[in-house]
Amino acid sequence: MCIITFYGKQYLSMKILLSKIMYEHNLSIRQVALICGLSPATIQKVMKEGSNPTIRTLAMISKGLKVPITDLFDLEE
């Protein structure tokens, strides 16, 4: 499991969580891109380890997938 530590709190990487959401909804990168109004390249960038997507991109993914933006991050305490 890839975990990112930020200000003493640990988060699962965006790649793992977005992949999980895509798996649960049986969606491909291309389908997510179409649903969210983003390019497949942008979705691939977001899924890369160490990516730093903008709030706008995260909001578009959240809205497109109909999940709270907080579902794109997983806090491990």
PDB file of N, CA and C in Angstrom:
ATOM      1  N   MET A   1       0.842  -1.168   0.000  1.00  0.00           N
ATOM      2  CA  MET A   1       0.000   0.000   0.000  1.00  0.00           C
ATOM      3  C   MET A   1       0.893   1.239   0.000  1.00  0.00           C
ATOM      4  N   CYS A   2       0.623   2.173  -0.878  1.00  0.00           N
ATOM      5  CA  CYS A   2       1.381   3.428  -0.939  1.00  0.00           C
ATOM      6  C   CYS A   2       0.716   4.444  -0.026  1.00  0.00           C
ATOM      7  N   ILE A   3       1.498   4.998   0.875  1.00  0.00           N
ATOM      8  CA  ILE A   3       0.961   5.978   1.812  1.00  0.00           C
ATOM      9  C   ILE A   3       1.781   7.252   1.719  1.00  0.00           C
ATOM     10  N   ILE A   4       1.106   8.366   1.696  1.00  0.00           N
ATOM     11  CA  ILE A   4       1.747   9.674   1.652  1.00  0.00           C
ATOM     12  C   ILE A   4       1.536  10.329   3.017  1.00  0.00           C
ATOM     13  N   THR A   5       2.590  10.854   3.609  1.00  0.00           N
ATOM     14  CA  THR A   5       2.474  11.558   4.884  1.00  0.00           C
ATOM     15  C   THR A   5       2.517  13.055   4.618  1.00  0.00           C
ATOM     16  N   PHE A   6       1.535  13.772   5.136  1.00  0.00           N
ATOM     17  CA  PHE A   6       1.425  15.207   4.921  1.00  0.00           C
ATOM     18  C   PHE A   6       1.059  15.844   6.248  1.00  0.00           C
ATOM     19  N   TYR A   7       1.930  16.691   6.752  1.00  0.00           N
ATOM     20  CA  TYR A   7       1.730  17.348   8.044  1.00  0.00           C
ATOM     21  C   TYR A   7       1.368  16.341   9.140  1.00  0.00           C
ATOM     22  N   GLY A   8       2.086  15.229   9.144  1.00  0.00           N
ATOM     23  CA  GLY A   8       1.905  14.233  10.193  1.00  0.00           C
ATOM     24  C   GLY A   8       0.710  13.320  10.025  1.00  0.00           C
ATOM     25  N   LYS A   9      -0.064  13.507   8.969  1.00  0.00           N
ATOM     26  CA  LYS A   9      -1.209  12.635   8.702  1.00  0.00           C
ATOM     27  C   LYS A   9      -0.895  11.800   7.471  1.00  0.00           C
ATOM     28  N   GLN A  10      -1.388  10.574   7.469  1.00  0.00           N
ATOM     29  CA  GLN A  10      -1.087   9.673   6.364  1.00  0.00           C
ATOM     30  C   GLN A  10      -2.300   9.512   5.455  1.00  0.00           C
ATOM     31  N   TYR A  11      -2.031   9.555   4.151  1.00  0.00           N
ATOM     32  CA  TYR A  11      -3.079   9.414   3.143  1.00  0.00           C
ATOM     33  C   TYR A  11      -2.682   8.327   2.155  1.00  0.00           C
ATOM     34  N   LEU A  12      -3.656   7.551   1.704  1.00  0.00           N
ATOM     35  CA  LEU A  12      -3.387   6.636   0.608  1.00  0.00           C
ATOM     36  C   LEU A  12      -3.180   7.464  -0.645  1.00  0.00           C
ATOM     37  N   SER A  13      -2.359   6.989  -1.545  1.00  0.00           N
ATOM     38  CA  SER A  13      -2.098   7.758  -2.759  1.00  0.00           C
ATOM     39  C   SER A  13      -3.357   7.875  -3.613  1.00  0.00           C
ATOM     40  N   MET A  14      -3.434   8.951  -4.365  1.00  0.00           N
ATOM     41  CA  MET A  14      -4.551   9.206  -5.268  1.00  0.00           C
ATOM     42  C   MET A  14      -4.728   8.053  -6.251  1.00  0.00           C
ATOM     43  N   LYS A  15      -3.612   7.496  -6.726  1.00  0.00           N
ATOM     44  CA  LYS A  15      -3.674   6.417  -7.708  1.00  0.00           C
ATOM     45  C   LYS A  15      -4.487   5.247  -7.175  1.00  0.00           C
ATOM     46  N   ILE A  16      -4.208   4.848  -5.965  1.00  0.00           N
ATOM     47  CA  ILE A  16      -4.900   3.701  -5.391  1.00  0.00           C
ATOM     48  C   ILE A  16      -6.384   3.989  -5.235  1.00  0.00           C
ATOM     49  N   LEU A  17      -6.734   5.144  -4.733  1.00  0.00           N
ATOM     50  CA  LEU A  17      -8.139   5.459  -4.491  1.00  0.00           C
ATOM     51  C   LEU A  17      -8.919   5.659  -5.778  1.00  0.00           C
ATOM     52  N   LEU A  18      -8.348   6.331  -6.755  1.00  0.00           N
ATOM     53  CA  LEU A  18      -9.034   6.517  -8.031  1.00  0.00           C
ATOM     54  C   LEU A  18      -9.184   5.172  -8.731  1.00  0.00           C
ATOM     55  N   SER A  19      -8.172   4.336  -8.659  1.00  0.00           N
ATOM     56  CA  SER A  19      -8.259   2.993  -9.244  1.00  0.00           C
ATOM     57  C   SER A  19      -9.370   2.189  -8.580  1.00  0.00           C
ATOM     58  N   LYS A  20      -9.480   2.314  -7.272  1.00  0.00           N
ATOM     59  CA  LYS A  20     -10.521   1.599  -6.526  1.00  0.00           C
ATOM     60  C   LYS A  20     -11.909   2.060  -6.966  1.00  0.00           C
ATOM     61  N   ILE A  21     -12.098   3.362  -7.077  1.00  0.00           N
ATOM     62  CA  ILE A  21     -13.386   3.908  -7.513  1.00  0.00           C
ATOM     63  C   ILE A  21     -13.700   3.442  -8.933  1.00  0.00           C
ATOM     64  N   MET A  22     -12.692   3.481  -9.798  1.00  0.00           N
ATOM     65  CA  MET A  22     -12.889   3.037 -11.182  1.00  0.00           C
ATOM     66  C   MET A  22     -13.265   1.560 -11.223  1.00  0.00           C
ATOM     67  N   TYR A  23     -12.608   0.748 -10.407  1.00  0.00           N
ATOM     68  CA  TYR A  23     -12.899  -0.687 -10.359  1.00  0.00           C
ATOM     69  C   TYR A  23     -14.333  -0.926  -9.880  1.00  0.00           C
ATOM     70  N   GLU A  24     -14.720  -0.238  -8.821  1.00  0.00           N
ATOM     71  CA  GLU A  24     -16.062  -0.404  -8.258  1.00  0.00           C
ATOM     72  C   GLU A  24     -17.152  -0.027  -9.250  1.00  0.00           C
ATOM     73  N   HIS A  25     -16.861   0.944 -10.137  1.00  0.00           N
ATOM     74  CA  HIS A  25     -17.842   1.399 -11.128  1.00  0.00           C
ATOM     75  C   HIS A  25     -17.590   0.792 -12.510  1.00  0.00           C
ATOM     76  N   ASN A  26     -16.592  -0.105 -12.586  1.00  0.00           N
ATOM     77  CA  ASN A  26     -16.235  -0.767 -13.848  1.00  0.00           C
ATOM     78  C   ASN A  26     -15.966   0.253 -14.964  1.00  0.00           C
ATOM     79  N   LEU A  27     -15.092   1.221 -14.666  1.00  0.00           N
ATOM     80  CA  LEU A  27     -14.786   2.294 -15.609  1.00  0.00           C
ATOM     81  C   LEU A  27     -13.325   2.243 -16.050  1.00  0.00           C
ATOM     82  N   SER A  28     -13.101   2.565 -17.311  1.00  0.00           N
ATOM     83  CA  SER A  28     -11.739   2.683 -17.839  1.00  0.00           C
ATOM     84  C   SER A  28     -11.267   4.132 -17.694  1.00  0.00           C
ATOM     85  N   ILE A  29      -9.988   4.348 -17.931  1.00  0.00           N
ATOM     86  CA  ILE A  29      -9.447   5.712 -17.900  1.00  0.00           C
ATOM     87  C   ILE A  29     -10.178   6.582 -18.917  1.00  0.00           C
ATOM     88  N   ARG A  30     -10.395   6.043 -20.085  1.00  0.00           N
ATOM     89  CA  ARG A  30     -11.079   6.811 -21.135  1.00  0.00           C
ATOM     90  C   ARG A  30     -12.510   7.171 -20.721  1.00  0.00           C
ATOM     91  N   GLN A  31     -13.215   6.216 -20.116  1.00  0.00           N
ATOM     92  CA  GLN A  31     -14.582   6.487 -19.671  1.00  0.00           C
ATOM     93  C   GLN A  31     -14.609   7.559 -18.579  1.00  0.00           C
ATOM     94  N   VAL A  32     -13.674   7.471 -17.644  1.00  0.00           N
ATOM     95  CA  VAL A  32     -13.596   8.476 -16.579  1.00  0.00           C
ATOM     96  C   VAL A  32     -13.330   9.849 -17.186  1.00  0.00           C
ATOM     97  N   ALA A  33     -12.423   9.902 -18.145  1.00  0.00           N
ATOM     98  CA  ALA A  33     -12.102  11.168 -18.806  1.00  0.00           C
ATOM     99  C   ALA A  33     -13.348  11.771 -19.460  1.00  0.00           C
ATOM    100  N   LEU A  34     -14.107  10.961 -20.180  1.00  0.00           N
ATOM    101  CA  LEU A  34     -15.323  11.446 -20.838  1.00  0.00           C
ATOM    102  C   LEU A  34     -16.358  11.925 -19.824  1.00  0.00           C
ATOM    103  N   ILE A  35     -16.568  11.148 -18.785  1.00  0.00           N
ATOM    104  CA  ILE A  35     -17.548  11.496 -17.755  1.00  0.00           C
ATOM    105  C   ILE A  35     -17.176  12.798 -17.053  1.00  0.00           C
ATOM    106  N   CYS A  36     -15.885  12.979 -16.820  1.00  0.00           N
ATOM    107  CA  CYS A  36     -15.413  14.126 -16.031  1.00  0.00           C
ATOM    108  C   CYS A  36     -15.084  15.352 -16.869  1.00  0.00           C
ATOM    109  N   GLY A  37     -15.106  15.218 -18.188  1.00  0.00           N
ATOM    110  CA  GLY A  37     -14.774  16.350 -19.045  1.00  0.00           C
ATOM    111  C   GLY A  37     -13.288  16.668 -19.061  1.00  0.00           C
ATOM    112  N   LEU A  38     -12.476  15.632 -18.874  1.00  0.00           N
ATOM    113  CA  LEU A  38     -11.020  15.782 -18.876  1.00  0.00           C
ATOM    114  C   LEU A  38     -10.431  14.870 -19.942  1.00  0.00           C
ATOM    115  N   SER A  39      -9.183  15.080 -20.257  1.00  0.00           N
ATOM    116  CA  SER A  39      -8.528  14.209 -21.229  1.00  0.00           C
ATOM    117  C   SER A  39      -8.042  12.937 -20.534  1.00  0.00           C
ATOM    118  N   PRO A  40      -7.930  11.834 -21.289  1.00  0.00           N
ATOM    119  CA  PRO A  40      -7.352  10.619 -20.703  1.00  0.00           C
ATOM    120  C   PRO A  40      -5.950  10.871 -20.146  1.00  0.00           C
ATOM    121  N   ALA A  41      -5.191  11.747 -20.798  1.00  0.00           N
ATOM    122  CA  ALA A  41      -3.839  12.070 -20.318  1.00  0.00           C
ATOM    123  C   ALA A  41      -3.889  12.711 -18.933  1.00  0.00           C
ATOM    124  N   THR A  42      -4.891  13.558 -18.700  1.00  0.00           N
ATOM    125  CA  THR A  42      -5.034  14.192 -17.384  1.00  0.00           C
ATOM    126  C   THR A  42      -5.356  13.148 -16.321  1.00  0.00           C
ATOM    127  N   ILE A  43      -6.245  12.226 -16.632  1.00  0.00           N
ATOM    128  CA  ILE A  43      -6.590  11.167 -15.678  1.00  0.00           C
ATOM    129  C   ILE A  43      -5.353  10.322 -15.383  1.00  0.00           C
ATOM    130  N   GLN A  44      -4.587  10.002 -16.420  1.00  0.00           N
ATOM    131  CA  GLN A  44      -3.361   9.227 -16.217  1.00  0.00           C
ATOM    132  C   GLN A  44      -2.371   9.984 -15.338  1.00  0.00           C
ATOM    133  N   LYS A  45      -2.257  11.292 -15.549  1.00  0.00           N
ATOM    134  CA  LYS A  45      -1.357  12.114 -14.719  1.00  0.00           C
ATOM    135  C   LYS A  45      -1.789  12.082 -13.258  1.00  0.00           C
ATOM    136  N   VAL A  46      -3.085  12.213 -13.016  1.00  0.00           N
ATOM    137  CA  VAL A  46      -3.611  12.205 -11.653  1.00  0.00           C
ATOM    138  C   VAL A  46      -3.302  10.871 -10.976  1.00  0.00           C
ATOM    139  N   MET A  47      -3.330   9.807 -11.757  1.00  0.00           N
ATOM    140  CA  MET A  47      -3.118   8.477 -11.201  1.00  0.00           C
ATOM    141  C   MET A  47      -1.648   8.141 -10.972  1.00  0.00           C
ATOM    142  N   LYS A  48      -0.742   8.969 -11.479  1.00  0.00           N
ATOM    143  CA  LYS A  48       0.688   8.719 -11.281  1.00  0.00           C
ATOM    144  C   LYS A  48       1.082   9.006  -9.844  1.00  0.00           C
ATOM    145  N   GLU A  49       2.019   8.206  -9.340  1.00  0.00           N
ATOM    146  CA  GLU A  49       2.554   8.446  -8.005  1.00  0.00           C
ATOM    147  C   GLU A  49       3.185   9.833  -7.965  1.00  0.00           C
ATOM    148  N   GLY A  50       2.948  10.551  -6.905  1.00  0.00           N
ATOM    149  CA  GLY A  50       3.541  11.871  -6.745  1.00  0.00           C
ATOM    150  C   GLY A  50       2.855  12.967  -7.531  1.00  0.00           C
ATOM    151  N   SER A  51       1.671  12.671  -8.091  1.00  0.00           N
ATOM    152  CA  SER A  51       0.967  13.702  -8.856  1.00  0.00           C
ATOM    153  C   SER A  51       0.457  14.783  -7.913  1.00  0.00           C
ATOM    154  N   ASN A  52       0.252  15.954  -8.469  1.00  0.00           N
ATOM    155  CA  ASN A  52      -0.226  17.088  -7.684  1.00  0.00           C
ATOM    156  C   ASN A  52      -1.346  17.775  -8.464  1.00  0.00           C
ATOM    157  N   PRO A  53      -2.530  17.127  -8.540  1.00  0.00           N
ATOM    158  CA  PRO A  53      -3.615  17.700  -9.336  1.00  0.00           C
ATOM    159  C   PRO A  53      -4.159  18.984  -8.712  1.00  0.00           C
ATOM    160  N   THR A  54      -4.703  19.831  -9.565  1.00  0.00           N
ATOM    161  CA  THR A  54      -5.297  21.076  -9.087  1.00  0.00           C
ATOM    162  C   THR A  54      -6.644  20.785  -8.422  1.00  0.00           C
ATOM    163  N   ILE A  55      -7.100  21.734  -7.632  1.00  0.00           N
ATOM    164  CA  ILE A  55      -8.421  21.617  -7.001  1.00  0.00           C
ATOM    165  C   ILE A  55      -9.493  21.510  -8.080  1.00  0.00           C
ATOM    166  N   ARG A  56      -9.332  22.269  -9.153  1.00  0.00           N
ATOM    167  CA  ARG A  56     -10.300  22.232 -10.259  1.00  0.00           C
ATOM    168  C   ARG A  56     -10.403  20.825 -10.845  1.00  0.00           C
ATOM    169  N   THR A  57      -9.254  20.183 -11.082  1.00  0.00           N
ATOM    170  CA  THR A  57      -9.246  18.826 -11.631  1.00  0.00           C
ATOM    171  C   THR A  57      -9.913  17.856 -10.665  1.00  0.00           C
ATOM    172  N   LEU A  58      -9.583  17.960  -9.390  1.00  0.00           N
ATOM    173  CA  LEU A  58     -10.193  17.086  -8.385  1.00  0.00           C
ATOM    174  C   LEU A  58     -11.702  17.298  -8.320  1.00  0.00           C
ATOM    175  N   ALA A  59     -12.127  18.554  -8.414  1.00  0.00           N
ATOM    176  CA  ALA A  59     -13.558  18.858  -8.383  1.00  0.00           C
ATOM    177  C   ALA A  59     -14.266  18.264  -9.599  1.00  0.00           C
ATOM    178  N   MET A  60     -13.630  18.325 -10.761  1.00  0.00           N
ATOM    179  CA  MET A  60     -14.227  17.762 -11.976  1.00  0.00           C
ATOM    180  C   MET A  60     -14.343  16.240 -11.865  1.00  0.00           C
ATOM    181  N   ILE A  61     -13.327  15.603 -11.300  1.00  0.00           N
ATOM    182  CA  ILE A  61     -13.371  14.150 -11.112  1.00  0.00           C
ATOM    183  C   ILE A  61     -14.470  13.793 -10.111  1.00  0.00           C
ATOM    184  N   SER A  62     -14.516  14.520  -9.017  1.00  0.00           N
ATOM    185  CA  SER A  62     -15.526  14.291  -7.985  1.00  0.00           C
ATOM    186  C   SER A  62     -16.937  14.432  -8.554  1.00  0.00           C
ATOM    187  N   LYS A  63     -17.161  15.510  -9.284  1.00  0.00           N
ATOM    188  CA  LYS A  63     -18.482  15.762  -9.869  1.00  0.00           C
ATOM    189  C   LYS A  63     -18.829  14.705 -10.916  1.00  0.00           C
ATOM    190  N   GLY A  64     -17.870  14.396 -11.783  1.00  0.00           N
ATOM    191  CA  GLY A  64     -18.115  13.423 -12.840  1.00  0.00           C
ATOM    192  C   GLY A  64     -18.419  12.029 -12.315  1.00  0.00           C
ATOM    193  N   LEU A  65     -17.700  11.617 -11.286  1.00  0.00           N
ATOM    194  CA  LEU A  65     -17.895  10.283 -10.719  1.00  0.00           C
ATOM    195  C   LEU A  65     -18.994  10.257  -9.660  1.00  0.00           C
ATOM    196  N   LYS A  66     -19.525  11.442  -9.348  1.00  0.00           N
ATOM    197  CA  LYS A  66     -20.598  11.576  -8.351  1.00  0.00           C
ATOM    198  C   LYS A  66     -20.180  10.996  -7.002  1.00  0.00           C
ATOM    199  N   VAL A  67     -18.965  11.380  -6.603  1.00  0.00           N
ATOM    200  CA  VAL A  67     -18.448  10.998  -5.285  1.00  0.00           C
ATOM    201  C   VAL A  67     -17.973  12.267  -4.587  1.00  0.00           C
ATOM    202  N   PRO A  68     -18.054  12.304  -3.271  1.00  0.00           N
ATOM    203  CA  PRO A  68     -17.511  13.469  -2.562  1.00  0.00           C
ATOM    204  C   PRO A  68     -16.014  13.594  -2.837  1.00  0.00           C
ATOM    205  N   ILE A  69     -15.532  14.811  -2.925  1.00  0.00           N
ATOM    206  CA  ILE A  69     -14.110  15.027  -3.206  1.00  0.00           C
ATOM    207  C   ILE A  69     -13.245  14.343  -2.146  1.00  0.00           C
ATOM    208  N   THR A  70     -13.771  14.224  -0.949  1.00  0.00           N
ATOM    209  CA  THR A  70     -13.020  13.566   0.123  1.00  0.00           C
ATOM    210  C   THR A  70     -12.819  12.075  -0.141  1.00  0.00           C
ATOM    211  N   ASP A  71     -13.633  11.487  -1.018  1.00  0.00           N
ATOM    212  CA  ASP A  71     -13.446  10.074  -1.370  1.00  0.00           C
ATOM    213  C   ASP A  71     -12.199   9.858  -2.214  1.00  0.00           C
ATOM    214  N   LEU A  72     -11.636  10.937  -2.735  1.00  0.00           N
ATOM    215  CA  LEU A  72     -10.414  10.818  -3.526  1.00  0.00           C
ATOM    216  C   LEU A  72      -9.176  10.753  -2.631  1.00  0.00           C
ATOM    217  N   PHE A  73      -9.375  10.929  -1.338  1.00  0.00           N
ATOM    218  CA  PHE A  73      -8.293  10.848  -0.351  1.00  0.00           C
ATOM    219  C   PHE A  73      -8.744   9.915   0.755  1.00  0.00           C
ATOM    220  N   ASP A  74      -7.824   9.160   1.298  1.00  0.00           N
ATOM    221  CA  ASP A  74      -8.169   8.269   2.395  1.00  0.00           C
ATOM    222  C   ASP A  74      -7.227   8.532   3.551  1.00  0.00           C
ATOM    223  N   LEU A  75      -7.762   8.993   4.639  1.00  0.00           N
ATOM    224  CA  LEU A  75      -6.951   9.313   5.810  1.00  0.00           C
ATOM    225  C   LEU A  75      -6.757   8.061   6.651  1.00  0.00           C
ATOM    226  N   GLU A  76      -5.513   7.710   6.884  1.00  0.00           N
ATOM    227  CA  GLU A  76      -5.158   6.585   7.746  1.00  0.00           C
ATOM    228  C   GLU A  76      -4.695   7.168   9.065  1.00  0.00           C
ATOM    229  N   GLU A  77      -5.403   6.885  10.121  1.00  0.00           N
ATOM    230  CA  GLU A  77      -4.980   7.443  11.413  1.00  0.00           C
ATOM    231  C   GLU A  77      -4.490   6.349  12.317  1.00  0.00           C
TER     232      GLU A  77
END
